[in-house]
Amino acid sequence: MSKSKDPSASSLGARGPRAHGAREYMYTLVDTKERLDSALETLRSVSKEGPNLAVDGHGFEYSRKGKLCLIAIATRDHVFLFDIIKLGELVFDRGLREILEDPTREKLMFDCREDSDILWHKHHVKLDGVLDIQLLQVMHNRGKNNPISSPVSRKRTRKQTVEETCERMEKEKIRKIRKEERKSQER
């Protein structure tokens, strides 16, 4: 978590230190009901077009047996740090569960296995709409050695893939019909 020299770093609109060449982001420590409602309102208003949210969780013994302490959710220009220790289930009950479970709202995560595990077992949140960057990287790297195995390296659209699958299924159906016609003619 970034720390600001300013003592009001947890206030709405605090800025973190800027790394060399990195973009400066505004961040908010969400540790009150008022900030929670404001943060959730902002997150709900973020466009559902494309992955516009990045999510990461942090905690102690981070698994189903551990404790979730903080969830960081970034938009394209703001980071919200949800204090789970202070706010508890209220964070999820007020609307974060809905956002994390929304399959139409793409969320970027890196290796979301432990995040998913602790969210489900401790907070009954079933992640959906997640693009796991680690898996995309694996697919991309495999594509360098075997271009057929990686949809990322093929740069094919879903529509093209669906169209080709439908064509293949239609051709298979025609082959079966012709085969049955031949069998019936032989009898």
C-alpha atoms as a PDB file:
ATOM      1  CA  MET A   1       0.000   0.000   0.000  1.00  0.00           C
ATOM      2  CA  SER A   2       1.300   3.433  -0.888  1.00  0.00           C
ATOM      3  CA  LYS A   3       1.872   5.882   1.910  1.00  0.00           C
ATOM      4  CA  SER A   4       1.717   9.584   1.460  1.00  0.00           C
ATOM      5  CA  LYS A   5       3.783  12.133   3.325  1.00  0.00           C
ATOM      6  CA  ASP A   6       0.529  13.924   3.935  1.00  0.00           C
ATOM      7  CA  PRO A   7      -1.032  12.899   7.290  1.00  0.00           C
ATOM      8  CA  SER A   8      -4.473  12.761   5.691  1.00  0.00           C
ATOM      9  CA  ALA A   9      -3.478   9.919   3.341  1.00  0.00           C
ATOM     10  CA  SER A  10      -6.624   8.033   4.203  1.00  0.00           C
ATOM     11  CA  SER A  11      -8.830  10.934   3.146  1.00  0.00           C
ATOM     12  CA  LEU A  12     -10.698  10.927  -0.133  1.00  0.00           C
ATOM     13  CA  GLY A  13      -8.381  12.069  -2.883  1.00  0.00           C
ATOM     14  CA  ALA A  14      -4.980  11.308  -1.330  1.00  0.00           C
ATOM     15  CA  ARG A  15      -2.104  10.717  -3.726  1.00  0.00           C
ATOM     16  CA  GLY A  16       0.543   8.050  -3.436  1.00  0.00           C
ATOM     17  CA  PRO A  17       4.243   8.601  -4.190  1.00  0.00           C
ATOM     18  CA  ARG A  18       5.130   8.413  -7.850  1.00  0.00           C
ATOM     19  CA  ALA A  19       7.577   5.751  -8.955  1.00  0.00           C
ATOM     20  CA  HIS A  20      10.014   6.544 -11.758  1.00  0.00           C
ATOM     21  CA  GLY A  21       7.980   6.698 -14.951  1.00  0.00           C
ATOM     22  CA  ALA A  22       4.834   5.390 -13.253  1.00  0.00           C
ATOM     23  CA  ARG A  23       1.481   7.077 -13.504  1.00  0.00           C
ATOM     24  CA  GLU A  24       0.286   8.862 -10.377  1.00  0.00           C
ATOM     25  CA  TYR A  25      -2.941   7.434  -8.968  1.00  0.00           C
ATOM     26  CA  MET A  26      -5.419   8.855  -6.547  1.00  0.00           C
ATOM     27  CA  TYR A  27      -6.332   6.443  -3.780  1.00  0.00           C
ATOM     28  CA  THR A  28      -8.881   6.231  -1.017  1.00  0.00           C
ATOM     29  CA  LEU A  29      -8.709   4.176   2.145  1.00  0.00           C
ATOM     30  CA  VAL A  30     -12.259   2.938   2.553  1.00  0.00           C
ATOM     31  CA  ASP A  31     -12.629   2.553   6.298  1.00  0.00           C
ATOM     32  CA  THR A  32     -15.958   4.275   7.076  1.00  0.00           C
ATOM     33  CA  LYS A  33     -19.537   3.667   5.943  1.00  0.00           C
ATOM     34  CA  GLU A  34     -19.569   7.027   4.149  1.00  0.00           C
ATOM     35  CA  ARG A  35     -16.417   6.236   2.168  1.00  0.00           C
ATOM     36  CA  LEU A  36     -17.742   2.744   1.482  1.00  0.00           C
ATOM     37  CA  ASP A  37     -20.949   4.086  -0.043  1.00  0.00           C
ATOM     38  CA  SER A  38     -19.017   6.651  -2.101  1.00  0.00           C
ATOM     39  CA  ALA A  39     -16.489   4.057  -3.335  1.00  0.00           C
ATOM     40  CA  LEU A  40     -19.200   1.558  -4.290  1.00  0.00           C
ATOM     41  CA  GLU A  41     -21.126   4.267  -6.144  1.00  0.00           C
ATOM     42  CA  THR A  42     -17.979   5.099  -8.126  1.00  0.00           C
ATOM     43  CA  LEU A  43     -17.253   1.433  -8.890  1.00  0.00           C
ATOM     44  CA  ARG A  44     -20.837   0.829 -10.046  1.00  0.00           C
ATOM     45  CA  SER A  45     -20.548   3.767 -12.435  1.00  0.00           C
ATOM     46  CA  VAL A  46     -17.393   2.440 -14.113  1.00  0.00           C
ATOM     47  CA  SER A  47     -18.067   1.313 -17.676  1.00  0.00           C
ATOM     48  CA  LYS A  48     -18.600  -2.405 -18.187  1.00  0.00           C
ATOM     49  CA  GLU A  49     -16.862  -2.164 -21.577  1.00  0.00           C
ATOM     50  CA  GLY A  50     -13.501  -3.904 -21.354  1.00  0.00           C
ATOM     51  CA  PRO A  51     -11.561  -4.699 -18.225  1.00  0.00           C
ATOM     52  CA  ASN A  52     -11.815  -1.455 -16.279  1.00  0.00           C
ATOM     53  CA  LEU A  53     -11.241  -2.866 -12.795  1.00  0.00           C
ATOM     54  CA  ALA A  54      -8.186  -4.518 -11.279  1.00  0.00           C
ATOM     55  CA  VAL A  55      -8.611  -6.445  -8.024  1.00  0.00           C
ATOM     56  CA  ASP A  56      -6.187  -7.784  -5.436  1.00  0.00           C
ATOM     57  CA  GLY A  57      -6.637  -8.999  -1.888  1.00  0.00           C
ATOM     58  CA  HIS A  58      -4.241  -9.100   1.045  1.00  0.00           C
ATOM     59  CA  GLY A  59      -4.413 -10.824   4.374  1.00  0.00           C
ATOM     60  CA  PHE A  60      -2.908 -12.993   7.053  1.00  0.00           C
ATOM     61  CA  GLU A  61      -2.278 -16.676   6.181  1.00  0.00           C
ATOM     62  CA  TYR A  62      -4.096 -15.903   2.959  1.00  0.00           C
ATOM     63  CA  SER A  63      -6.338 -18.902   2.277  1.00  0.00           C
ATOM     64  CA  ARG A  64      -9.656 -20.320   3.454  1.00  0.00           C
ATOM     65  CA  LYS A  65      -8.090 -20.745   6.895  1.00  0.00           C
ATOM     66  CA  GLY A  66      -6.641 -17.235   7.025  1.00  0.00           C
ATOM     67  CA  LYS A  67      -7.994 -13.718   7.277  1.00  0.00           C
ATOM     68  CA  LEU A  68      -8.752 -11.207   4.546  1.00  0.00           C
ATOM     69  CA  CYS A  69      -7.577  -7.765   5.661  1.00  0.00           C
ATOM     70  CA  LEU A  70      -7.639  -5.527   2.590  1.00  0.00           C
ATOM     71  CA  ILE A  71      -9.065  -5.540  -0.918  1.00  0.00           C
ATOM     72  CA  ALA A  72      -7.576  -3.151  -3.453  1.00  0.00           C
ATOM     73  CA  ILE A  73      -9.746  -2.296  -6.443  1.00  0.00           C
ATOM     74  CA  ALA A  74      -8.372   0.020  -9.104  1.00  0.00           C
ATOM     75  CA  THR A  75     -10.201   1.823 -11.853  1.00  0.00           C
ATOM     76  CA  ARG A  76      -8.277   3.484 -14.664  1.00  0.00           C
ATOM     77  CA  ASP A  77      -7.582   6.519 -12.483  1.00  0.00           C
ATOM     78  CA  HIS A  78      -8.333   5.700  -8.847  1.00  0.00           C
ATOM     79  CA  VAL A  79      -7.507   2.987  -6.316  1.00  0.00           C
ATOM     80  CA  PHE A  80      -9.870   2.022  -3.491  1.00  0.00           C
ATOM     81  CA  LEU A  81      -8.379   0.214  -0.495  1.00  0.00           C
ATOM     82  CA  PHE A  82     -11.209  -1.533   1.374  1.00  0.00           C
ATOM     83  CA  ASP A  83     -10.361  -2.101   5.048  1.00  0.00           C
ATOM     84  CA  ILE A  84     -12.009  -5.464   5.693  1.00  0.00           C
ATOM     85  CA  ILE A  85     -10.751  -5.631   9.277  1.00  0.00           C
ATOM     86  CA  LYS A  86     -12.549  -2.417  10.203  1.00  0.00           C
ATOM     87  CA  LEU A  87     -15.710  -2.757   8.073  1.00  0.00           C
ATOM     88  CA  GLY A  88     -16.098  -6.556   7.976  1.00  0.00           C
ATOM     89  CA  GLU A  89     -19.056  -8.069   6.110  1.00  0.00           C
ATOM     90  CA  LEU A  90     -20.588  -4.623   5.594  1.00  0.00           C
ATOM     91  CA  VAL A  91     -18.228  -4.185   2.618  1.00  0.00           C
ATOM     92  CA  PHE A  92     -19.768  -7.167   0.856  1.00  0.00           C
ATOM     93  CA  ASP A  93     -23.350  -6.646   2.037  1.00  0.00           C
ATOM     94  CA  ARG A  94     -23.450  -3.049   0.784  1.00  0.00           C
ATOM     95  CA  GLY A  95     -22.443  -3.988  -2.773  1.00  0.00           C
ATOM     96  CA  LEU A  96     -18.883  -5.212  -3.233  1.00  0.00           C
ATOM     97  CA  ARG A  97     -20.156  -8.819  -3.478  1.00  0.00           C
ATOM     98  CA  GLU A  98     -22.407  -7.773  -6.367  1.00  0.00           C
ATOM     99  CA  ILE A  99     -19.489  -6.135  -8.213  1.00  0.00           C
ATOM    100  CA  LEU A 100     -17.098  -9.065  -7.671  1.00  0.00           C
ATOM    101  CA  GLU A 101     -19.730 -11.617  -8.762  1.00  0.00           C
ATOM    102  CA  ASP A 102     -20.899  -9.682 -11.838  1.00  0.00           C
ATOM    103  CA  PRO A 103     -19.970 -11.781 -14.918  1.00  0.00           C
ATOM    104  CA  THR A 104     -20.501  -8.812 -17.259  1.00  0.00           C
ATOM    105  CA  ARG A 105     -17.952  -6.611 -15.476  1.00  0.00           C
ATOM    106  CA  GLU A 106     -14.456  -7.822 -16.410  1.00  0.00           C
ATOM    107  CA  LYS A 107     -11.935  -7.690 -13.588  1.00  0.00           C
ATOM    108  CA  LEU A 108      -8.178  -8.128 -13.967  1.00  0.00           C
ATOM    109  CA  MET A 109      -6.446 -10.224 -11.322  1.00  0.00           C
ATOM    110  CA  PHE A 110      -3.101 -11.991 -11.089  1.00  0.00           C
ATOM    111  CA  ASP A 111      -3.251 -15.592  -9.884  1.00  0.00           C
ATOM    112  CA  CYS A 112      -6.704 -15.268  -8.323  1.00  0.00           C
ATOM    113  CA  ARG A 113      -6.726 -18.766  -6.780  1.00  0.00           C
ATOM    114  CA  GLU A 114      -6.095 -17.659  -3.198  1.00  0.00           C
ATOM    115  CA  ASP A 115      -8.297 -14.578  -3.586  1.00  0.00           C
ATOM    116  CA  SER A 116     -11.124 -16.764  -4.834  1.00  0.00           C
ATOM    117  CA  ASP A 117     -10.555 -19.311  -2.058  1.00  0.00           C
ATOM    118  CA  ILE A 118     -10.681 -16.842   0.822  1.00  0.00           C
ATOM    119  CA  LEU A 119     -13.522 -14.792  -0.681  1.00  0.00           C
ATOM    120  CA  TRP A 120     -15.700 -17.878  -1.115  1.00  0.00           C
ATOM    121  CA  HIS A 121     -14.940 -19.665   2.150  1.00  0.00           C
ATOM    122  CA  LYS A 122     -14.847 -16.617   4.436  1.00  0.00           C
ATOM    123  CA  HIS A 123     -17.250 -14.173   2.778  1.00  0.00           C
ATOM    124  CA  HIS A 124     -19.452 -16.242   0.408  1.00  0.00           C
ATOM    125  CA  VAL A 125     -18.308 -14.249  -2.625  1.00  0.00           C
ATOM    126  CA  LYS A 126     -18.047 -16.228  -5.857  1.00  0.00           C
ATOM    127  CA  LEU A 127     -15.744 -14.342  -8.217  1.00  0.00           C
ATOM    128  CA  ASP A 128     -16.965 -14.061 -11.791  1.00  0.00           C
ATOM    129  CA  GLY A 129     -15.904 -12.091 -14.843  1.00  0.00           C
ATOM    130  CA  VAL A 130     -12.223 -12.423 -13.924  1.00  0.00           C
ATOM    131  CA  LEU A 131      -9.406 -12.287 -16.444  1.00  0.00           C
ATOM    132  CA  ASP A 132      -6.441 -13.898 -14.711  1.00  0.00           C
ATOM    133  CA  ILE A 133      -3.338 -12.211 -16.100  1.00  0.00           C
ATOM    134  CA  GLN A 134      -1.152 -15.114 -15.001  1.00  0.00           C
ATOM    135  CA  LEU A 135      -3.185 -17.545 -17.124  1.00  0.00           C
ATOM    136  CA  LEU A 136      -3.148 -15.164 -20.075  1.00  0.00           C
ATOM    137  CA  GLN A 137       0.636 -14.992 -19.764  1.00  0.00           C
ATOM    138  CA  VAL A 138       0.891 -18.803 -19.728  1.00  0.00           C
ATOM    139  CA  MET A 139      -1.337 -19.024 -22.798  1.00  0.00           C
ATOM    140  CA  HIS A 140       0.741 -16.402 -24.553  1.00  0.00           C
ATOM    141  CA  ASN A 141       4.041 -18.133 -23.716  1.00  0.00           C
ATOM    142  CA  ARG A 142       2.743 -21.501 -24.887  1.00  0.00           C
ATOM    143  CA  GLY A 143       1.666 -19.832 -28.089  1.00  0.00           C
ATOM    144  CA  LYS A 144       5.271 -18.941 -28.867  1.00  0.00           C
ATOM    145  CA  ASN A 145       6.156 -22.648 -29.038  1.00  0.00           C
ATOM    146  CA  ASN A 146       2.845 -23.914 -30.340  1.00  0.00           C
ATOM    147  CA  PRO A 147       0.748 -21.236 -32.059  1.00  0.00           C
ATOM    148  CA  ILE A 148      -2.315 -23.491 -32.248  1.00  0.00           C
ATOM    149  CA  SER A 149      -2.606 -23.822 -28.463  1.00  0.00           C
ATOM    150  CA  SER A 150      -2.941 -20.126 -27.717  1.00  0.00           C
ATOM    151  CA  PRO A 151      -5.956 -18.057 -28.717  1.00  0.00           C
ATOM    152  CA  VAL A 152      -4.032 -14.979 -27.564  1.00  0.00           C
ATOM    153  CA  SER A 153      -1.173 -15.592 -30.010  1.00  0.00           C
ATOM    154  CA  ARG A 154      -3.537 -16.425 -32.855  1.00  0.00           C
ATOM    155  CA  LYS A 155      -5.186 -13.026 -32.409  1.00  0.00           C
ATOM    156  CA  ARG A 156      -8.507 -14.481 -33.419  1.00  0.00           C
ATOM    157  CA  THR A 157     -11.751 -13.054 -32.273  1.00  0.00           C
ATOM    158  CA  ARG A 158     -14.330 -15.088 -30.400  1.00  0.00           C
ATOM    159  CA  LYS A 159     -16.730 -14.506 -33.266  1.00  0.00           C
ATOM    160  CA  GLN A 160     -14.295 -16.090 -35.757  1.00  0.00           C
ATOM    161  CA  THR A 161     -13.785 -19.084 -33.488  1.00  0.00           C
ATOM    162  CA  VAL A 162     -17.536 -19.556 -32.997  1.00  0.00           C
ATOM    163  CA  GLU A 163     -18.176 -19.228 -36.737  1.00  0.00           C
ATOM    164  CA  GLU A 164     -15.507 -21.837 -37.520  1.00  0.00           C
ATOM    165  CA  THR A 165     -16.894 -24.188 -34.888  1.00  0.00           C
ATOM    166  CA  CYS A 166     -20.395 -23.847 -36.331  1.00  0.00           C
ATOM    167  CA  GLU A 167     -19.076 -24.512 -39.848  1.00  0.00           C
ATOM    168  CA  ARG A 168     -17.197 -27.592 -38.627  1.00  0.00           C
ATOM    169  CA  MET A 169     -20.302 -28.890 -36.848  1.00  0.00           C
ATOM    170  CA  GLU A 170     -22.421 -28.282 -39.955  1.00  0.00           C
ATOM    171  CA  LYS A 171     -19.911 -30.158 -42.145  1.00  0.00           C
ATOM    172  CA  GLU A 172     -19.881 -33.036 -39.643  1.00  0.00           C
ATOM    173  CA  LYS A 173     -23.663 -33.145 -39.675  1.00  0.00           C
ATOM    174  CA  ILE A 174     -23.685 -33.273 -43.506  1.00  0.00           C
ATOM    175  CA  ARG A 175     -21.107 -36.108 -43.471  1.00  0.00           C
ATOM    176  CA  LYS A 176     -23.286 -38.127 -41.064  1.00  0.00           C
ATOM    177  CA  ILE A 177     -26.377 -37.598 -43.223  1.00  0.00           C
ATOM    178  CA  ARG A 178     -24.514 -38.689 -46.365  1.00  0.00           C
ATOM    179  CA  LYS A 179     -23.110 -41.713 -44.561  1.00  0.00           C
ATOM    180  CA  GLU A 180     -26.603 -42.733 -43.430  1.00  0.00           C
ATOM    181  CA  GLU A 181     -27.935 -42.212 -46.982  1.00  0.00           C
ATOM    182  CA  ARG A 182     -25.205 -44.481 -48.370  1.00  0.00           C
ATOM    183  CA  LYS A 183     -26.018 -47.165 -45.783  1.00  0.00           C
ATOM    184  CA  SER A 184     -29.712 -47.014 -46.614  1.00  0.00           C
ATOM    185  CA  GLN A 185     -28.970 -47.251 -50.369  1.00  0.00           C
ATOM    186  CA  GLU A 186     -26.764 -50.303 -49.792  1.00  0.00           C
ATOM    187  CA  ARG A 187     -29.631 -52.135 -48.094  1.00  0.00           C
END
